């Protein structure tokens, strides 16, 4: 059992220390590699993800393993075969929810896809490259918001408090995304609840990472912005239709009510699985 003060202190040390260390490391690495970094925003995004992943992996060990005595089983990382199955289930669930939200926008919001002159082969190659970019980004966000803090706070305060508190922080972390709206923030927080419940299914961190990747990759692969960021995808162009409060408009599906409906459905599904079996 983890005491409440200890859980709060560990969470603050993990989150506050992690972001502070990441800022210092990013500044140092960017200065050291200034002469070799190319690619503008893309290189910056890759560098930021790499630094965050290294820093929060280190803090997972220092704060979670050494400080709180947590084990791989507490994060659902073992047994590995169950985790791999959980990743696949999570990926499928996240992808289905994303496709459903976009398809609903086509049906009721006049959204549409158009051929931009690219090829299916080019699309498949871009999808693979995008997956390689989005996987570590999904993993690092899961380590931050569904890792040590989720385990510590849920054991000290209960799952409900941990889920809601960390979901609100997850939403707040996207405050500076391009084109953010109050509804988009609410949907990202709702996604945090969905991913938190996925974390408490048998696959643990594997499942929540798979669900996170499945959602983001299907949005990107179908040419929609992901939390306001539009990634280059050949062959398809996506027009969101409208109104924006329904389909998400330029921010992407996460800015609309349709995404709210399907993310809530995903949370209900994941919540039912946590009642049958959990990682803790």
Protein backbone atom coordinates (compact mmCIF):
# COMPACT_ATOMS: atom_id res chain seq x y z
CA UNK A 1 0.00 0.00 0.00
CA UNK A 2 1.30 3.47 -0.88
CA UNK A 3 0.48 6.30 1.52
CA UNK A 4 -1.24 9.39 0.16
CA UNK A 5 1.55 11.84 0.95
CA UNK A 6 4.12 9.48 -0.49
CA UNK A 7 2.02 8.99 -3.63
CA UNK A 8 1.57 12.75 -4.12
CA UNK A 9 5.24 13.44 -3.47
CA UNK A 10 6.35 10.72 -5.86
CA UNK A 11 3.97 11.97 -8.55
CA UNK A 12 5.17 15.56 -8.19
CA UNK A 13 8.81 14.42 -8.27
CA UNK A 14 8.15 12.27 -11.32
CA UNK A 15 6.21 14.86 -13.32
CA UNK A 16 7.93 18.05 -12.15
CA UNK A 17 11.39 16.55 -12.16
CA UNK A 18 10.79 14.87 -15.50
CA UNK A 19 9.71 18.00 -17.32
CA UNK A 20 12.46 20.11 -15.71
CA UNK A 21 15.15 17.57 -16.63
CA UNK A 22 13.72 17.29 -20.14
CA UNK A 23 13.93 21.06 -20.68
CA UNK A 24 17.55 21.12 -19.54
CA UNK A 25 18.43 18.06 -21.62
CA UNK A 26 16.69 19.43 -24.71
CA UNK A 27 18.56 22.71 -24.43
CA UNK A 28 21.88 20.95 -23.96
CA UNK A 29 21.36 18.40 -26.74
CA UNK A 30 20.01 20.99 -29.17
CA UNK A 31 23.03 23.21 -28.53
CA UNK A 32 25.44 20.32 -28.93
CA UNK A 33 23.83 19.10 -32.17
CA UNK A 34 22.92 22.47 -33.69
CA UNK A 35 25.38 22.02 -36.54
CA UNK A 36 24.03 18.61 -37.57
CA UNK A 37 20.29 19.00 -36.96
CA UNK A 38 18.27 19.43 -40.14
CA UNK A 39 14.63 19.14 -41.04
CA UNK A 40 13.21 21.94 -38.93
CA UNK A 41 10.05 21.02 -37.03
CA UNK A 42 10.40 17.31 -37.83
CA UNK A 43 13.90 17.07 -36.35
CA UNK A 44 12.76 19.04 -33.31
CA UNK A 45 9.81 16.68 -32.75
CA UNK A 46 12.01 13.59 -33.02
CA UNK A 47 14.60 15.08 -30.66
CA UNK A 48 11.94 16.10 -28.14
CA UNK A 49 10.36 12.64 -28.15
CA UNK A 50 13.74 10.93 -27.72
CA UNK A 51 14.72 13.14 -24.78
CA UNK A 52 11.35 12.76 -23.05
CA UNK A 53 11.45 9.00 -23.50
CA UNK A 54 14.93 8.70 -22.01
CA UNK A 55 14.19 11.04 -19.10
CA UNK A 56 10.88 9.46 -18.11
CA UNK A 57 12.20 5.92 -18.56
CA UNK A 58 14.99 6.86 -16.14
CA UNK A 59 12.52 8.38 -13.68
CA UNK A 60 10.27 5.34 -13.94
CA UNK A 61 13.19 3.34 -12.62
CA UNK A 62 14.34 5.92 -10.02
CA UNK A 63 10.95 6.96 -8.64
CA UNK A 64 8.84 3.93 -9.44
CA UNK A 65 11.18 0.98 -9.05
CA UNK A 66 13.78 2.28 -6.59
CA UNK A 67 11.60 4.74 -4.69
CA UNK A 68 8.20 3.00 -4.54
CA UNK A 69 9.32 -0.59 -5.05
CA UNK A 70 7.16 -1.12 -8.13
CA UNK A 71 7.84 -4.01 -10.48
CA UNK A 72 7.27 -4.67 -14.17
CA UNK A 73 4.11 -6.55 -13.20
CA UNK A 74 2.69 -3.39 -11.61
CA UNK A 75 2.79 -1.73 -15.03
CA UNK A 76 1.40 -4.79 -16.82
CA UNK A 77 4.68 -5.29 -18.66
CA UNK A 78 4.91 -8.99 -17.76
CA UNK A 79 4.14 -11.61 -18.81
CA UNK A 80 5.26 -10.40 -22.22
CA UNK A 81 2.95 -12.61 -24.33
CA UNK A 82 -0.11 -11.19 -22.55
CA UNK A 83 1.31 -7.71 -23.04
CA UNK A 84 1.80 -8.24 -26.77
CA UNK A 85 -1.79 -9.45 -27.07
CA UNK A 86 -2.87 -6.42 -25.07
CA UNK A 87 -0.97 -4.10 -27.41
CA UNK A 88 -2.69 -5.67 -30.42
CA UNK A 89 -6.13 -5.40 -28.80
CA UNK A 90 -5.48 -1.81 -27.79
CA UNK A 91 -4.22 -0.89 -31.25
CA UNK A 92 -7.29 -2.43 -32.86
CA UNK A 93 -9.65 -0.67 -30.44
CA UNK A 94 -8.01 2.74 -30.85
CA UNK A 95 -7.93 2.37 -34.62
CA UNK A 96 -11.57 1.28 -34.86
CA UNK A 97 -12.69 4.23 -32.72
CA UNK A 98 -10.76 6.69 -34.90
CA UNK A 99 -12.13 5.24 -38.14
CA UNK A 100 -15.66 5.22 -36.68
CA UNK A 101 -15.43 8.89 -35.66
CA UNK A 102 -14.23 9.90 -39.13
CA UNK A 103 -16.80 7.72 -40.89
CA UNK A 104 -19.56 9.26 -38.79
CA UNK A 105 -18.31 12.69 -39.88
CA UNK A 106 -18.70 11.58 -43.50
CA UNK A 107 -22.22 10.33 -42.80
CA UNK A 108 -23.60 13.30 -40.85
CA UNK A 109 -21.09 16.13 -41.26
CA UNK A 110 -20.35 16.10 -44.99
CA UNK A 111 -16.72 15.18 -44.41
CA UNK A 112 -15.02 13.57 -47.41
CA UNK A 113 -11.81 12.03 -48.72
CA UNK A 114 -10.27 12.95 -52.04
CA UNK A 115 -7.46 11.48 -54.13
CA UNK A 116 -4.57 13.93 -54.11
CA UNK A 117 -2.75 12.27 -57.00
CA UNK A 118 -0.46 10.06 -54.92
CA UNK A 119 -0.26 6.27 -54.98
CA UNK A 120 -1.35 3.52 -52.62
CA UNK A 121 2.27 2.35 -52.43
CA UNK A 122 3.36 5.83 -51.38
CA UNK A 123 0.57 5.91 -48.81
CA UNK A 124 1.66 2.58 -47.31
CA UNK A 125 5.27 3.77 -47.07
CA UNK A 126 4.21 7.02 -45.44
CA UNK A 127 1.95 5.11 -43.03
CA UNK A 128 4.88 2.94 -41.94
CA UNK A 129 7.12 5.97 -41.44
CA UNK A 130 4.37 7.73 -39.51
CA UNK A 131 3.95 4.69 -37.26
CA UNK A 132 7.67 4.79 -36.46
CA UNK A 133 7.27 8.45 -35.50
CA UNK A 134 4.07 8.06 -33.49
CA UNK A 135 4.94 4.89 -31.56
CA UNK A 136 7.65 6.42 -29.32
CA UNK A 137 5.52 9.54 -28.92
CA UNK A 138 2.60 7.41 -27.71
CA UNK A 139 4.87 5.40 -25.41
CA UNK A 140 6.36 8.47 -23.75
CA UNK A 141 2.92 9.99 -23.08
CA UNK A 142 1.80 6.68 -21.59
CA UNK A 143 4.90 6.53 -19.37
CA UNK A 144 4.16 10.06 -18.16
CA UNK A 145 0.41 9.86 -17.57
CA UNK A 146 -0.34 6.15 -17.22
CA UNK A 147 2.90 4.97 -15.65
CA UNK A 148 4.24 5.70 -12.18
CA UNK A 149 1.66 8.41 -11.34
CA UNK A 150 -1.28 6.17 -12.28
CA UNK A 151 -0.07 3.26 -10.17
CA UNK A 152 0.90 5.43 -7.18
CA UNK A 153 -2.23 7.59 -7.13
CA UNK A 154 -4.66 4.74 -7.79
CA UNK A 155 -3.27 2.75 -4.89
CA UNK A 156 -3.33 5.73 -2.54
CA UNK A 157 -6.60 7.42 -3.58
CA UNK A 158 -8.45 4.87 -5.71
CA UNK A 159 -8.70 4.46 -9.45
CA UNK A 160 -11.41 7.06 -9.97
CA UNK A 161 -9.37 9.91 -8.51
CA UNK A 162 -6.24 8.81 -10.37
CA UNK A 163 -8.08 8.48 -13.69
CA UNK A 164 -9.77 11.88 -13.50
CA UNK A 165 -6.79 13.76 -12.09
CA UNK A 166 -4.31 12.45 -14.63
CA UNK A 167 -6.80 12.81 -17.49
CA UNK A 168 -7.14 16.51 -16.64
CA UNK A 169 -3.36 16.86 -16.62
CA UNK A 170 -3.21 15.01 -19.95
CA UNK A 171 -5.66 17.50 -21.41
CA UNK A 172 -3.79 20.46 -19.93
CA UNK A 173 -0.56 19.23 -21.54
CA UNK A 174 -2.18 19.98 -24.92
CA UNK A 175 -3.18 23.56 -24.10
CA UNK A 176 -0.67 25.00 -26.58
CA UNK A 177 -1.63 22.77 -29.51
CA UNK A 178 -2.45 24.69 -32.68
CA UNK A 179 -6.18 25.45 -32.98
CA UNK A 180 -7.11 24.07 -29.55
CA UNK A 181 -10.69 24.69 -28.36
CA UNK A 182 -12.51 23.97 -25.08
CA UNK A 183 -14.25 20.99 -26.69
CA UNK A 184 -10.94 19.66 -28.00
CA UNK A 185 -9.43 19.94 -24.52
CA UNK A 186 -12.40 18.06 -23.11
CA UNK A 187 -12.01 15.33 -25.70
CA UNK A 188 -8.29 14.95 -25.02
CA UNK A 189 -9.08 14.63 -21.31
CA UNK A 190 -11.74 12.05 -22.20
CA UNK A 191 -9.10 10.23 -24.23
CA UNK A 192 -7.00 10.27 -21.06
CA UNK A 193 -9.80 8.49 -19.19
CA UNK A 194 -10.11 5.94 -22.00
CA UNK A 195 -6.36 5.29 -22.04
CA UNK A 196 -6.24 5.14 -18.24
CA UNK A 197 -8.94 2.47 -18.23
CA UNK A 198 -7.04 0.63 -20.97
CA UNK A 199 -4.00 0.70 -18.66
CA UNK A 200 -6.01 -1.20 -16.02
CA UNK A 201 -6.89 -4.01 -18.41
CA UNK A 202 -4.70 -7.16 -18.43
CA UNK A 203 -2.26 -5.72 -20.99
CA UNK A 204 -1.38 -2.73 -18.82
CA UNK A 205 0.98 -0.20 -20.37
CA UNK A 206 1.18 -2.33 -23.51
CA UNK A 207 -2.57 -1.95 -24.07
CA UNK A 208 -2.77 1.77 -23.39
CA UNK A 209 0.20 2.40 -25.69
CA UNK A 210 -1.40 0.29 -28.42
CA UNK A 211 -4.71 2.15 -28.07
CA UNK A 212 -2.93 5.51 -28.14
CA UNK A 213 -0.99 4.54 -31.27
CA UNK A 214 -4.04 3.03 -32.98
CA UNK A 215 -6.08 6.21 -32.52
CA UNK A 216 -3.32 8.58 -33.63
CA UNK A 217 -2.10 6.46 -36.53
CA UNK A 218 -5.55 5.93 -38.03
CA UNK A 219 -6.29 9.65 -37.85
CA UNK A 220 -2.95 10.47 -39.48
CA UNK A 221 -3.23 7.64 -42.01
CA UNK A 222 -6.64 8.87 -43.11
CA UNK A 223 -5.20 12.37 -43.59
CA UNK A 224 -6.83 14.04 -40.57
CA UNK A 225 -4.95 16.27 -38.11
CA UNK A 226 -3.89 14.59 -34.87
CA UNK A 227 -4.58 16.97 -31.98
CA UNK A 228 -4.20 19.90 -34.38
CA UNK A 229 -1.08 18.56 -36.14
CA UNK A 230 -1.46 17.54 -39.78
CA UNK A 231 1.15 15.00 -40.88
CA UNK A 232 2.03 14.65 -44.58
CA UNK A 233 0.25 11.64 -46.11
CA UNK A 234 0.19 11.00 -49.89
CA UNK A 235 -2.78 9.71 -51.88
CA UNK A 236 -5.51 10.99 -49.51
CA UNK A 237 -6.77 14.45 -48.59
CA UNK A 238 -9.46 14.81 -45.93
CA UNK A 239 -12.05 17.56 -45.72
CA UNK A 240 -13.66 17.70 -42.26
CA UNK A 241 -16.97 19.14 -43.39
CA UNK A 242 -18.92 20.77 -40.61
CA UNK A 243 -19.99 22.23 -38.39
CA UNK A 244 -16.66 22.21 -36.56
CA UNK A 245 -18.27 21.42 -33.19
CA UNK A 246 -19.56 18.20 -34.73
CA UNK A 247 -16.64 16.99 -36.86
CA UNK A 248 -13.71 18.81 -35.26
CA UNK A 249 -12.95 21.08 -38.21
CA UNK A 250 -9.34 22.08 -38.71
CA UNK A 251 -8.21 20.70 -35.35
CA UNK A 252 -9.07 17.18 -36.43
CA UNK A 253 -11.73 14.76 -35.19
CA UNK A 254 -10.66 15.30 -31.56
CA UNK A 255 -12.23 18.76 -31.76
CA UNK A 256 -15.78 17.48 -32.35
CA UNK A 257 -18.71 15.86 -30.58
CA UNK A 258 -18.46 12.74 -32.73
CA UNK A 259 -15.07 11.97 -31.21
CA UNK A 260 -16.59 12.50 -27.75
CA UNK A 261 -19.17 9.81 -28.47
CA UNK A 262 -16.68 7.23 -29.69
CA UNK A 263 -14.05 7.96 -27.02
CA UNK A 264 -16.75 7.55 -24.37
CA UNK A 265 -17.74 4.24 -25.98
CA UNK A 266 -14.10 3.14 -25.85
CA UNK A 267 -13.89 4.10 -22.19
CA UNK A 268 -17.02 2.06 -21.40
CA UNK A 269 -15.59 -0.95 -23.22
CA UNK A 270 -12.22 -0.70 -21.48
CA UNK A 271 -13.93 -0.12 -18.13
CA UNK A 272 -15.87 -3.36 -18.49
CA UNK A 273 -12.63 -5.27 -19.06
CA UNK A 274 -11.04 -3.79 -15.93
CA UNK A 275 -13.83 -5.19 -13.78
CA UNK A 276 -13.14 -8.74 -14.95
CA UNK A 277 -9.35 -8.63 -14.62
CA UNK A 278 -6.73 -6.04 -13.79
CA UNK A 279 -2.98 -5.71 -13.67
CA UNK A 280 -2.83 -4.85 -9.98
